[in-house]
Amino acid sequence: MRVEALPADATFDKVLCVHVLYFWKDLDVSLREIARVLKPGGRLGLLFRTKADPAAIASFPAEIYRFPELAEVTVALEQAGLNVHAASDRTNEPVLLIAGR
């Protein structure tokens, strides 16, 4: 199932996305769609590598993978109506963001 076409509103208690946002055509649209299908009190776990990891960027073709800035994802989550509860941010390691509705 594509992130842009998820089922009915308020369907899920939890959503886990591991190393997938690189492929989303529009980060804002995708996160708004995830927020829409989360139940009130629902949580999103989002694991990804950022532009802060040059080795990862160099290892994957730029025409397929898009590595965002941590701030870009945090702002998009907030604009989607989610509150970021926790974030790890270590250079050269994946970032884990936990957000809730």
N, C-alpha and C. Protein backbone atom coordinates (compact mmCIF):
# COMPACT_ATOMS: atom_id res chain seq x y z
N MET A 1 0.84 -1.17 0.00
CA MET A 1 0.00 0.00 0.00
C MET A 1 0.88 1.24 0.00
N ARG A 2 0.52 2.22 -0.79
CA ARG A 2 1.28 3.47 -0.87
C ARG A 2 0.88 4.40 0.28
N VAL A 3 1.84 5.14 0.78
CA VAL A 3 1.59 6.05 1.89
C VAL A 3 0.59 7.14 1.50
N GLU A 4 0.50 7.46 0.23
CA GLU A 4 -0.42 8.50 -0.21
C GLU A 4 -1.87 8.02 -0.29
N ALA A 5 -2.12 6.73 -0.07
CA ALA A 5 -3.47 6.18 -0.22
C ALA A 5 -3.79 5.20 0.91
N LEU A 6 -3.69 5.66 2.14
CA LEU A 6 -3.96 4.81 3.29
C LEU A 6 -5.47 4.71 3.52
N PRO A 7 -5.92 3.74 4.34
CA PRO A 7 -7.35 3.52 4.55
C PRO A 7 -8.01 4.66 5.35
N ALA A 8 -9.14 4.36 5.91
CA ALA A 8 -10.01 5.34 6.58
C ALA A 8 -9.32 6.10 7.71
N ASP A 9 -9.86 7.28 8.00
CA ASP A 9 -9.37 8.13 9.09
C ASP A 9 -9.34 7.36 10.40
N ALA A 10 -8.40 7.74 11.27
CA ALA A 10 -8.31 7.23 12.64
C ALA A 10 -8.41 5.70 12.71
N THR A 11 -7.62 5.03 11.90
CA THR A 11 -7.64 3.56 11.81
C THR A 11 -6.58 2.90 12.69
N PHE A 12 -5.42 3.55 12.86
CA PHE A 12 -4.28 2.89 13.49
C PHE A 12 -3.90 3.52 14.82
N ASP A 13 -3.50 2.67 15.77
CA ASP A 13 -2.93 3.13 17.04
C ASP A 13 -1.46 3.48 16.88
N LYS A 14 -0.78 2.72 16.02
CA LYS A 14 0.65 2.90 15.82
C LYS A 14 1.00 2.74 14.35
N VAL A 15 1.99 3.51 13.93
CA VAL A 15 2.55 3.40 12.58
C VAL A 15 4.07 3.37 12.74
N LEU A 16 4.72 2.43 12.08
CA LEU A 16 6.17 2.32 12.12
C LEU A 16 6.70 2.40 10.69
N CYS A 17 7.60 3.36 10.46
CA CYS A 17 8.21 3.55 9.14
C CYS A 17 9.72 3.48 9.32
N VAL A 18 10.33 2.46 8.75
CA VAL A 18 11.76 2.24 8.89
C VAL A 18 12.42 2.36 7.52
N HIS A 19 13.24 3.39 7.36
CA HIS A 19 14.00 3.62 6.13
C HIS A 19 13.12 3.65 4.88
N VAL A 20 11.98 4.34 4.97
CA VAL A 20 11.10 4.43 3.81
C VAL A 20 10.91 5.86 3.30
N LEU A 21 11.12 6.85 4.13
CA LEU A 21 10.81 8.21 3.68
C LEU A 21 11.71 8.69 2.55
N TYR A 22 12.81 7.99 2.31
CA TYR A 22 13.69 8.35 1.19
C TYR A 22 12.96 8.29 -0.15
N PHE A 23 11.93 7.45 -0.21
CA PHE A 23 11.24 7.16 -1.47
C PHE A 23 9.94 7.95 -1.64
N TRP A 24 9.51 8.66 -0.60
CA TRP A 24 8.27 9.42 -0.69
C TRP A 24 8.46 10.61 -1.61
N LYS A 25 7.54 10.78 -2.53
CA LYS A 25 7.63 11.89 -3.49
C LYS A 25 7.43 13.23 -2.80
N ASP A 26 6.56 13.28 -1.78
CA ASP A 26 6.26 14.52 -1.08
C ASP A 26 6.18 14.23 0.41
N LEU A 27 7.17 14.66 1.16
CA LEU A 27 7.24 14.40 2.60
C LEU A 27 6.01 14.94 3.32
N ASP A 28 5.60 16.17 3.01
CA ASP A 28 4.46 16.80 3.68
C ASP A 28 3.18 16.01 3.46
N VAL A 29 2.91 15.65 2.22
CA VAL A 29 1.70 14.88 1.90
C VAL A 29 1.72 13.53 2.62
N SER A 30 2.85 12.87 2.60
CA SER A 30 2.95 11.54 3.23
C SER A 30 2.72 11.61 4.73
N LEU A 31 3.31 12.60 5.39
CA LEU A 31 3.13 12.70 6.84
C LEU A 31 1.72 13.15 7.21
N ARG A 32 1.10 14.00 6.40
CA ARG A 32 -0.30 14.36 6.65
C ARG A 32 -1.21 13.14 6.52
N GLU A 33 -0.90 12.28 5.56
CA GLU A 33 -1.69 11.07 5.36
C GLU A 33 -1.53 10.13 6.56
N ILE A 34 -0.32 9.98 7.06
CA ILE A 34 -0.09 9.15 8.25
C ILE A 34 -0.83 9.74 9.45
N ALA A 35 -0.75 11.05 9.63
CA ALA A 35 -1.46 11.70 10.74
C ALA A 35 -2.97 11.47 10.63
N ARG A 36 -3.49 11.51 9.43
CA ARG A 36 -4.93 11.32 9.21
C ARG A 36 -5.40 9.95 9.67
N VAL A 37 -4.59 8.91 9.45
CA VAL A 37 -5.03 7.56 9.79
C VAL A 37 -4.69 7.15 11.22
N LEU A 38 -3.95 7.99 11.94
CA LEU A 38 -3.67 7.70 13.35
C LEU A 38 -4.88 8.07 14.21
N LYS A 39 -5.19 7.20 15.14
CA LYS A 39 -6.25 7.49 16.12
C LYS A 39 -5.75 8.56 17.08
N PRO A 40 -6.65 9.29 17.73
CA PRO A 40 -6.20 10.21 18.78
C PRO A 40 -5.36 9.45 19.81
N GLY A 41 -4.22 10.01 20.17
CA GLY A 41 -3.30 9.32 21.07
C GLY A 41 -2.38 8.34 20.36
N GLY A 42 -2.56 8.17 19.05
CA GLY A 42 -1.73 7.25 18.28
C GLY A 42 -0.30 7.76 18.16
N ARG A 43 0.60 6.84 17.86
CA ARG A 43 2.04 7.17 17.77
C ARG A 43 2.62 6.74 16.43
N LEU A 44 3.60 7.54 15.99
CA LEU A 44 4.37 7.23 14.79
C LEU A 44 5.83 7.07 15.19
N GLY A 45 6.43 5.97 14.79
CA GLY A 45 7.87 5.78 14.92
C GLY A 45 8.47 5.89 13.53
N LEU A 46 9.44 6.78 13.38
CA LEU A 46 10.02 7.06 12.07
C LEU A 46 11.54 6.96 12.19
N LEU A 47 12.13 5.98 11.52
CA LEU A 47 13.58 5.77 11.54
C LEU A 47 14.13 6.04 10.15
N PHE A 48 15.17 6.89 10.08
CA PHE A 48 15.73 7.27 8.78
C PHE A 48 17.11 7.87 8.96
N ARG A 49 17.85 7.94 7.88
CA ARG A 49 19.14 8.63 7.85
C ARG A 49 18.93 10.03 7.28
N THR A 50 19.71 10.98 7.78
CA THR A 50 19.57 12.36 7.33
C THR A 50 20.76 12.77 6.46
N LYS A 51 20.72 14.00 6.01
CA LYS A 51 21.83 14.56 5.25
C LYS A 51 23.10 14.66 6.08
N ALA A 52 22.98 14.50 7.40
CA ALA A 52 24.14 14.58 8.28
C ALA A 52 25.03 13.33 8.16
N ASP A 53 24.62 12.36 7.37
CA ASP A 53 25.38 11.12 7.22
C ASP A 53 25.93 11.05 5.79
N PRO A 54 27.09 11.67 5.53
CA PRO A 54 27.63 11.71 4.16
C PRO A 54 27.94 10.33 3.59
N ALA A 55 28.31 9.38 4.42
CA ALA A 55 28.61 8.03 3.91
C ALA A 55 27.35 7.39 3.34
N ALA A 56 26.24 7.56 4.01
CA ALA A 56 24.98 7.00 3.50
C ALA A 56 24.59 7.67 2.19
N ILE A 57 24.71 8.98 2.14
CA ILE A 57 24.35 9.71 0.93
C ILE A 57 25.19 9.24 -0.25
N ALA A 58 26.47 9.05 -0.02
CA ALA A 58 27.37 8.62 -1.09
C ALA A 58 27.12 7.18 -1.52
N SER A 59 26.51 6.37 -0.65
CA SER A 59 26.30 4.95 -0.93
C SER A 59 25.06 4.64 -1.75
N PHE A 60 24.17 5.61 -1.91
CA PHE A 60 22.90 5.35 -2.57
C PHE A 60 22.68 6.33 -3.71
N PRO A 61 22.07 5.88 -4.79
CA PRO A 61 21.87 6.77 -5.94
C PRO A 61 20.90 7.92 -5.62
N ALA A 62 21.35 9.13 -5.91
CA ALA A 62 20.57 10.34 -5.59
C ALA A 62 19.26 10.40 -6.38
N GLU A 63 19.19 9.76 -7.52
CA GLU A 63 17.95 9.79 -8.30
C GLU A 63 16.86 8.90 -7.69
N ILE A 64 17.21 8.09 -6.70
CA ILE A 64 16.24 7.21 -6.04
C ILE A 64 16.03 7.62 -4.59
N TYR A 65 17.11 7.89 -3.88
CA TYR A 65 17.06 8.16 -2.44
C TYR A 65 17.12 9.66 -2.18
N ARG A 66 16.27 10.12 -1.27
CA ARG A 66 16.29 11.52 -0.85
C ARG A 66 16.52 11.55 0.65
N PHE A 67 17.63 12.11 1.09
CA PHE A 67 17.97 12.19 2.50
C PHE A 67 17.61 13.59 3.02
N PRO A 68 16.64 13.70 3.93
CA PRO A 68 16.21 15.01 4.41
C PRO A 68 17.05 15.50 5.58
N GLU A 69 16.87 16.76 5.91
CA GLU A 69 17.43 17.33 7.14
C GLU A 69 16.49 16.92 8.28
N LEU A 70 17.02 16.73 9.47
CA LEU A 70 16.19 16.41 10.63
C LEU A 70 15.15 17.50 10.86
N ALA A 71 15.55 18.76 10.77
CA ALA A 71 14.63 19.87 10.99
C ALA A 71 13.48 19.85 9.98
N GLU A 72 13.77 19.47 8.74
CA GLU A 72 12.74 19.40 7.71
C GLU A 72 11.65 18.39 8.08
N VAL A 73 12.07 17.24 8.60
CA VAL A 73 11.11 16.20 8.98
C VAL A 73 10.33 16.63 10.22
N THR A 74 11.01 17.23 11.18
CA THR A 74 10.35 17.69 12.40
C THR A 74 9.28 18.73 12.07
N VAL A 75 9.60 19.69 11.23
CA VAL A 75 8.63 20.71 10.83
C VAL A 75 7.46 20.07 10.09
N ALA A 76 7.72 19.14 9.19
CA ALA A 76 6.65 18.48 8.45
C ALA A 76 5.73 17.70 9.38
N LEU A 77 6.30 17.05 10.40
CA LEU A 77 5.49 16.34 11.39
C LEU A 77 4.57 17.31 12.13
N GLU A 78 5.13 18.41 12.56
CA GLU A 78 4.34 19.41 13.29
C GLU A 78 3.25 20.00 12.40
N GLN A 79 3.57 20.28 11.14
CA GLN A 79 2.57 20.82 10.22
C GLN A 79 1.48 19.80 9.91
N ALA A 80 1.78 18.52 10.06
CA ALA A 80 0.79 17.46 9.86
C ALA A 80 -0.09 17.27 11.10
N GLY A 81 0.21 18.02 12.16
CA GLY A 81 -0.59 17.92 13.38
C GLY A 81 -0.07 16.92 14.39
N LEU A 82 1.18 16.51 14.24
CA LEU A 82 1.78 15.56 15.18
C LEU A 82 2.77 16.29 16.08
N ASN A 83 2.89 15.80 17.29
CA ASN A 83 3.84 16.35 18.26
C ASN A 83 5.03 15.42 18.36
N VAL A 84 6.22 15.95 18.17
CA VAL A 84 7.43 15.14 18.28
C VAL A 84 7.75 14.98 19.76
N HIS A 85 7.76 13.73 20.22
CA HIS A 85 8.01 13.43 21.63
C HIS A 85 9.47 13.11 21.91
N ALA A 86 10.13 12.51 20.96
CA ALA A 86 11.52 12.10 21.19
C ALA A 86 12.24 12.05 19.85
N ALA A 87 13.50 12.39 19.89
CA ALA A 87 14.31 12.32 18.67
C ALA A 87 15.74 12.03 19.06
N SER A 88 16.33 11.06 18.39
CA SER A 88 17.77 10.83 18.55
C SER A 88 18.43 11.51 17.38
N ASP A 89 19.58 12.07 17.59
CA ASP A 89 20.29 12.75 16.50
C ASP A 89 21.78 12.57 16.70
N ARG A 90 22.29 11.45 16.21
CA ARG A 90 23.72 11.18 16.29
C ARG A 90 24.28 11.16 14.88
N THR A 91 25.37 11.86 14.69
CA THR A 91 25.99 11.91 13.37
C THR A 91 26.31 10.50 12.89
N ASN A 92 26.06 10.26 11.63
CA ASN A 92 26.36 9.00 10.96
C ASN A 92 25.57 7.81 11.48
N GLU A 93 24.44 8.08 12.14
CA GLU A 93 23.55 7.01 12.59
C GLU A 93 22.13 7.39 12.21
N PRO A 94 21.26 6.39 12.05
CA PRO A 94 19.86 6.72 11.76
C PRO A 94 19.23 7.51 12.90
N VAL A 95 18.28 8.35 12.54
CA VAL A 95 17.51 9.14 13.50
C VAL A 95 16.23 8.39 13.80
N LEU A 96 15.83 8.37 15.06
CA LEU A 96 14.55 7.82 15.46
C LEU A 96 13.70 8.96 15.99
N LEU A 97 12.57 9.21 15.32
CA LEU A 97 11.62 10.21 15.78
C LEU A 97 10.36 9.47 16.25
N ILE A 98 9.86 9.87 17.39
CA ILE A 98 8.59 9.38 17.91
C ILE A 98 7.65 10.58 17.96
N ALA A 99 6.53 10.46 17.29
CA ALA A 99 5.56 11.55 17.26
C ALA A 99 4.18 11.01 17.61
N GLY A 100 3.36 11.86 18.16
CA GLY A 100 2.02 11.43 18.55
C GLY A 100 0.96 12.39 18.06
N ARG A 101 -0.23 11.87 18.01
CA ARG A 101 -1.38 12.66 17.58
C ARG A 101 -2.15 13.12 18.79
